[in-house]
Amino acid sequence: MSNSQNPEEFYKKLRAQLYETASWPSEYLYKFIVPTRKDKIEQIEDLFNNIGAVINTNESKTGKYTSVSVNVTMENPDAVISKYKEVALKVEGVISL
């Protein structure tokens, strides 16, 4: 989501795209970038704990940031968006891609 874009407008467009491109329930790949700190990575992992998520991390070349990819089956586009909002609310400094 770009900084200049209204978050609700972004989620509205994303919801429409998700309904058009997949049948639900469906696998969804979340991508986040956080400052490389163990607590930030663990916060994201905890939010996806116990729902069958496969989580991979990759530290940047400089070591300042870590990308966190989460592959998980979600029930519907509203569940996808709800999880994006939860991560944004609970993990300070996260960037959702």
N, C-alpha and C. Protein backbone atom coordinates (compact mmCIF):
# COMPACT_ATOMS: atom_id res chain seq x y z
N MET A 1 0.86 -1.16 0.00
CA MET A 1 0.00 0.00 0.00
C MET A 1 0.90 1.22 0.00
N SER A 2 0.67 2.15 -0.91
CA SER A 2 1.50 3.36 -0.97
C SER A 2 1.08 4.31 0.13
N ASN A 3 2.02 5.15 0.57
CA ASN A 3 1.76 6.08 1.66
C ASN A 3 0.71 7.11 1.31
N SER A 4 0.56 7.45 0.02
CA SER A 4 -0.37 8.48 -0.39
C SER A 4 -1.80 7.95 -0.54
N GLN A 5 -1.96 6.65 -0.49
CA GLN A 5 -3.27 6.05 -0.72
C GLN A 5 -4.03 5.91 0.59
N ASN A 6 -5.32 6.22 0.54
CA ASN A 6 -6.21 6.06 1.68
C ASN A 6 -6.31 4.56 1.99
N PRO A 7 -6.05 4.15 3.24
CA PRO A 7 -6.08 2.71 3.56
C PRO A 7 -7.42 2.06 3.25
N GLU A 8 -8.52 2.71 3.54
CA GLU A 8 -9.83 2.09 3.28
C GLU A 8 -10.07 1.92 1.78
N GLU A 9 -9.61 2.88 0.98
CA GLU A 9 -9.74 2.77 -0.48
C GLU A 9 -8.89 1.61 -0.99
N PHE A 10 -7.68 1.48 -0.43
CA PHE A 10 -6.79 0.37 -0.79
C PHE A 10 -7.46 -0.97 -0.49
N TYR A 11 -8.02 -1.11 0.71
CA TYR A 11 -8.66 -2.37 1.10
C TYR A 11 -9.90 -2.66 0.27
N LYS A 12 -10.62 -1.63 -0.10
CA LYS A 12 -11.81 -1.81 -0.94
C LYS A 12 -11.41 -2.38 -2.31
N LYS A 13 -10.35 -1.81 -2.91
CA LYS A 13 -9.86 -2.31 -4.20
C LYS A 13 -9.30 -3.73 -4.07
N LEU A 14 -8.57 -3.98 -2.99
CA LEU A 14 -8.00 -5.31 -2.77
C LEU A 14 -9.11 -6.34 -2.63
N ARG A 15 -10.16 -6.02 -1.87
CA ARG A 15 -11.28 -6.94 -1.68
C ARG A 15 -11.89 -7.31 -3.04
N ALA A 16 -12.11 -6.32 -3.89
CA ALA A 16 -12.70 -6.56 -5.21
C ALA A 16 -11.78 -7.45 -6.05
N GLN A 17 -10.47 -7.17 -6.03
CA GLN A 17 -9.51 -7.97 -6.79
C GLN A 17 -9.48 -9.42 -6.31
N LEU A 18 -9.52 -9.60 -5.00
CA LEU A 18 -9.46 -10.95 -4.45
C LEU A 18 -10.70 -11.77 -4.82
N TYR A 19 -11.86 -11.13 -4.80
CA TYR A 19 -13.08 -11.85 -5.19
C TYR A 19 -13.04 -12.23 -6.67
N GLU A 20 -12.40 -11.39 -7.50
CA GLU A 20 -12.34 -11.64 -8.94
C GLU A 20 -11.33 -12.72 -9.31
N THR A 21 -10.24 -12.84 -8.55
CA THR A 21 -9.12 -13.67 -8.99
C THR A 21 -9.00 -15.02 -8.30
N ALA A 22 -9.83 -15.30 -7.31
CA ALA A 22 -9.68 -16.57 -6.60
C ALA A 22 -11.03 -17.10 -6.16
N SER A 23 -11.08 -18.42 -6.00
CA SER A 23 -12.26 -19.02 -5.38
C SER A 23 -11.88 -19.28 -3.92
N TRP A 24 -12.82 -19.08 -3.04
CA TRP A 24 -12.52 -19.12 -1.61
C TRP A 24 -13.17 -20.31 -0.94
N PRO A 25 -12.51 -20.89 0.09
CA PRO A 25 -11.23 -20.53 0.68
C PRO A 25 -10.08 -20.74 -0.30
N SER A 26 -9.00 -19.99 -0.09
CA SER A 26 -7.87 -20.02 -1.00
C SER A 26 -6.58 -19.72 -0.26
N GLU A 27 -5.47 -20.21 -0.83
CA GLU A 27 -4.16 -19.84 -0.27
C GLU A 27 -3.88 -18.38 -0.60
N TYR A 28 -3.26 -17.69 0.36
CA TYR A 28 -2.91 -16.29 0.15
C TYR A 28 -1.49 -16.09 0.67
N LEU A 29 -0.71 -15.31 -0.07
CA LEU A 29 0.66 -15.01 0.33
C LEU A 29 0.75 -13.57 0.80
N TYR A 30 0.98 -13.41 2.10
CA TYR A 30 1.23 -12.09 2.68
C TYR A 30 2.72 -11.81 2.61
N LYS A 31 3.06 -10.54 2.40
CA LYS A 31 4.46 -10.14 2.46
C LYS A 31 4.56 -8.87 3.31
N PHE A 32 5.45 -8.92 4.27
CA PHE A 32 5.67 -7.79 5.17
C PHE A 32 7.16 -7.49 5.25
N ILE A 33 7.48 -6.24 5.52
CA ILE A 33 8.85 -5.85 5.79
C ILE A 33 8.87 -5.18 7.16
N VAL A 34 9.80 -5.62 8.01
CA VAL A 34 9.94 -5.05 9.35
C VAL A 34 11.41 -4.77 9.62
N PRO A 35 11.69 -3.83 10.54
CA PRO A 35 13.07 -3.67 10.97
C PRO A 35 13.56 -5.01 11.54
N THR A 36 14.81 -5.35 11.29
CA THR A 36 15.34 -6.63 11.74
C THR A 36 15.51 -6.60 13.26
N ARG A 37 14.44 -7.03 13.90
CA ARG A 37 14.43 -7.19 15.35
C ARG A 37 13.60 -8.44 15.64
N LYS A 38 14.15 -9.29 16.49
CA LYS A 38 13.51 -10.56 16.78
C LYS A 38 12.06 -10.37 17.26
N ASP A 39 11.81 -9.36 18.08
CA ASP A 39 10.46 -9.17 18.62
C ASP A 39 9.46 -8.81 17.52
N LYS A 40 9.88 -8.04 16.51
CA LYS A 40 8.98 -7.67 15.41
C LYS A 40 8.60 -8.90 14.58
N ILE A 41 9.58 -9.72 14.29
CA ILE A 41 9.35 -10.94 13.51
C ILE A 41 8.44 -11.88 14.30
N GLU A 42 8.70 -12.03 15.59
CA GLU A 42 7.88 -12.90 16.43
C GLU A 42 6.44 -12.39 16.54
N GLN A 43 6.25 -11.07 16.55
CA GLN A 43 4.89 -10.53 16.60
C GLN A 43 4.09 -10.99 15.38
N ILE A 44 4.71 -10.90 14.21
CA ILE A 44 4.01 -11.35 12.99
C ILE A 44 3.75 -12.85 13.06
N GLU A 45 4.77 -13.62 13.46
CA GLU A 45 4.59 -15.07 13.57
C GLU A 45 3.46 -15.42 14.52
N ASP A 46 3.37 -14.72 15.65
CA ASP A 46 2.32 -14.98 16.63
C ASP A 46 0.93 -14.70 16.07
N LEU A 47 0.80 -13.68 15.23
CA LEU A 47 -0.50 -13.33 14.66
C LEU A 47 -1.00 -14.39 13.68
N PHE A 48 -0.09 -15.18 13.14
CA PHE A 48 -0.47 -16.24 12.20
C PHE A 48 -0.33 -17.63 12.82
N ASN A 49 -0.04 -17.69 14.10
CA ASN A 49 0.14 -18.95 14.80
C ASN A 49 -1.19 -19.72 14.86
N ASN A 50 -1.11 -21.02 14.76
CA ASN A 50 -2.27 -21.91 14.90
C ASN A 50 -3.29 -21.82 13.78
N ILE A 51 -2.91 -21.27 12.60
CA ILE A 51 -3.85 -21.29 11.48
C ILE A 51 -3.21 -21.95 10.24
N GLY A 52 -2.15 -22.71 10.47
CA GLY A 52 -1.54 -23.48 9.39
C GLY A 52 -0.66 -22.67 8.45
N ALA A 53 -0.15 -21.57 8.91
CA ALA A 53 0.67 -20.70 8.07
C ALA A 53 2.09 -21.26 7.91
N VAL A 54 2.64 -21.08 6.71
CA VAL A 54 4.04 -21.36 6.43
C VAL A 54 4.73 -20.00 6.34
N ILE A 55 5.70 -19.79 7.24
CA ILE A 55 6.33 -18.47 7.35
C ILE A 55 7.81 -18.58 7.00
N ASN A 56 8.25 -17.69 6.10
CA ASN A 56 9.66 -17.60 5.72
C ASN A 56 10.15 -16.18 5.94
N THR A 57 11.40 -16.07 6.37
CA THR A 57 11.99 -14.75 6.56
C THR A 57 13.26 -14.65 5.73
N ASN A 58 13.58 -13.41 5.34
CA ASN A 58 14.78 -13.16 4.55
C ASN A 58 15.31 -11.78 4.94
N GLU A 59 16.50 -11.77 5.51
CA GLU A 59 17.11 -10.52 5.94
C GLU A 59 17.71 -9.78 4.75
N SER A 60 17.61 -8.44 4.77
CA SER A 60 18.18 -7.63 3.69
C SER A 60 19.70 -7.72 3.72
N LYS A 61 20.32 -7.30 2.62
CA LYS A 61 21.78 -7.36 2.52
C LYS A 61 22.46 -6.56 3.63
N THR A 62 21.87 -5.43 3.99
CA THR A 62 22.47 -4.59 5.03
C THR A 62 22.10 -5.06 6.44
N GLY A 63 21.10 -5.93 6.53
CA GLY A 63 20.68 -6.44 7.83
C GLY A 63 19.73 -5.53 8.58
N LYS A 64 19.35 -4.43 7.97
CA LYS A 64 18.47 -3.47 8.66
C LYS A 64 17.01 -3.93 8.65
N TYR A 65 16.62 -4.65 7.61
CA TYR A 65 15.22 -5.06 7.45
C TYR A 65 15.12 -6.55 7.18
N THR A 66 13.97 -7.09 7.51
CA THR A 66 13.68 -8.49 7.22
C THR A 66 12.33 -8.57 6.52
N SER A 67 12.28 -9.35 5.43
CA SER A 67 10.99 -9.59 4.79
C SER A 67 10.42 -10.87 5.40
N VAL A 68 9.13 -10.82 5.65
CA VAL A 68 8.43 -11.96 6.23
C VAL A 68 7.32 -12.35 5.26
N SER A 69 7.40 -13.56 4.72
CA SER A 69 6.38 -14.08 3.81
C SER A 69 5.55 -15.11 4.57
N VAL A 70 4.24 -14.96 4.45
CA VAL A 70 3.33 -15.85 5.16
C VAL A 70 2.36 -16.45 4.15
N ASN A 71 2.43 -17.75 3.96
CA ASN A 71 1.53 -18.45 3.05
C ASN A 71 0.51 -19.19 3.90
N VAL A 72 -0.77 -18.86 3.72
CA VAL A 72 -1.80 -19.44 4.58
C VAL A 72 -3.12 -19.52 3.82
N THR A 73 -3.93 -20.52 4.13
CA THR A 73 -5.26 -20.62 3.54
C THR A 73 -6.21 -19.72 4.32
N MET A 74 -6.88 -18.83 3.60
CA MET A 74 -7.82 -17.90 4.21
C MET A 74 -9.22 -18.22 3.70
N GLU A 75 -10.22 -17.94 4.51
CA GLU A 75 -11.60 -18.27 4.18
C GLU A 75 -12.19 -17.41 3.07
N ASN A 76 -11.86 -16.10 3.09
CA ASN A 76 -12.43 -15.16 2.12
C ASN A 76 -11.63 -13.87 2.11
N PRO A 77 -11.89 -12.97 1.16
CA PRO A 77 -11.15 -11.71 1.10
C PRO A 77 -11.27 -10.86 2.36
N ASP A 78 -12.42 -10.92 3.03
CA ASP A 78 -12.56 -10.14 4.27
C ASP A 78 -11.61 -10.64 5.35
N ALA A 79 -11.37 -11.94 5.40
CA ALA A 79 -10.42 -12.51 6.36
C ALA A 79 -9.00 -12.07 6.03
N VAL A 80 -8.67 -12.00 4.73
CA VAL A 80 -7.35 -11.53 4.30
C VAL A 80 -7.14 -10.09 4.78
N ILE A 81 -8.11 -9.25 4.52
CA ILE A 81 -8.01 -7.84 4.87
C ILE A 81 -7.98 -7.64 6.39
N SER A 82 -8.77 -8.42 7.09
CA SER A 82 -8.78 -8.35 8.55
C SER A 82 -7.39 -8.63 9.12
N LYS A 83 -6.70 -9.61 8.54
CA LYS A 83 -5.36 -9.97 9.03
C LYS A 83 -4.36 -8.86 8.71
N TYR A 84 -4.47 -8.24 7.52
CA TYR A 84 -3.61 -7.10 7.19
C TYR A 84 -3.79 -5.99 8.23
N LYS A 85 -5.05 -5.69 8.57
CA LYS A 85 -5.34 -4.63 9.54
C LYS A 85 -4.80 -4.98 10.92
N GLU A 86 -4.93 -6.24 11.31
CA GLU A 86 -4.44 -6.68 12.61
C GLU A 86 -2.91 -6.53 12.70
N VAL A 87 -2.22 -6.93 11.65
CA VAL A 87 -0.75 -6.80 11.64
C VAL A 87 -0.36 -5.32 11.71
N ALA A 88 -1.02 -4.48 10.91
CA ALA A 88 -0.69 -3.04 10.90
C ALA A 88 -0.92 -2.42 12.27
N LEU A 89 -1.94 -2.87 12.97
CA LEU A 89 -2.29 -2.33 14.29
C LEU A 89 -1.32 -2.78 15.37
N LYS A 90 -0.86 -4.02 15.28
CA LYS A 90 -0.10 -4.61 16.38
C LYS A 90 1.42 -4.61 16.20
N VAL A 91 1.89 -4.42 14.96
CA VAL A 91 3.33 -4.48 14.70
C VAL A 91 3.80 -3.10 14.24
N GLU A 92 4.40 -2.38 15.13
CA GLU A 92 4.86 -1.02 14.81
C GLU A 92 5.98 -1.06 13.78
N GLY A 93 5.86 -0.19 12.77
CA GLY A 93 6.91 -0.07 11.75
C GLY A 93 6.80 -1.07 10.61
N VAL A 94 5.74 -1.88 10.58
CA VAL A 94 5.59 -2.88 9.53
C VAL A 94 5.17 -2.21 8.22
N ILE A 95 5.67 -2.75 7.13
CA ILE A 95 5.25 -2.34 5.79
C ILE A 95 4.61 -3.55 5.16
N SER A 96 3.36 -3.40 4.72
CA SER A 96 2.64 -4.49 4.05
C SER A 96 2.79 -4.34 2.55
N LEU A 97 3.12 -5.42 1.88
CA LEU A 97 3.27 -5.39 0.42
C LEU A 97 2.14 -6.16 -0.23
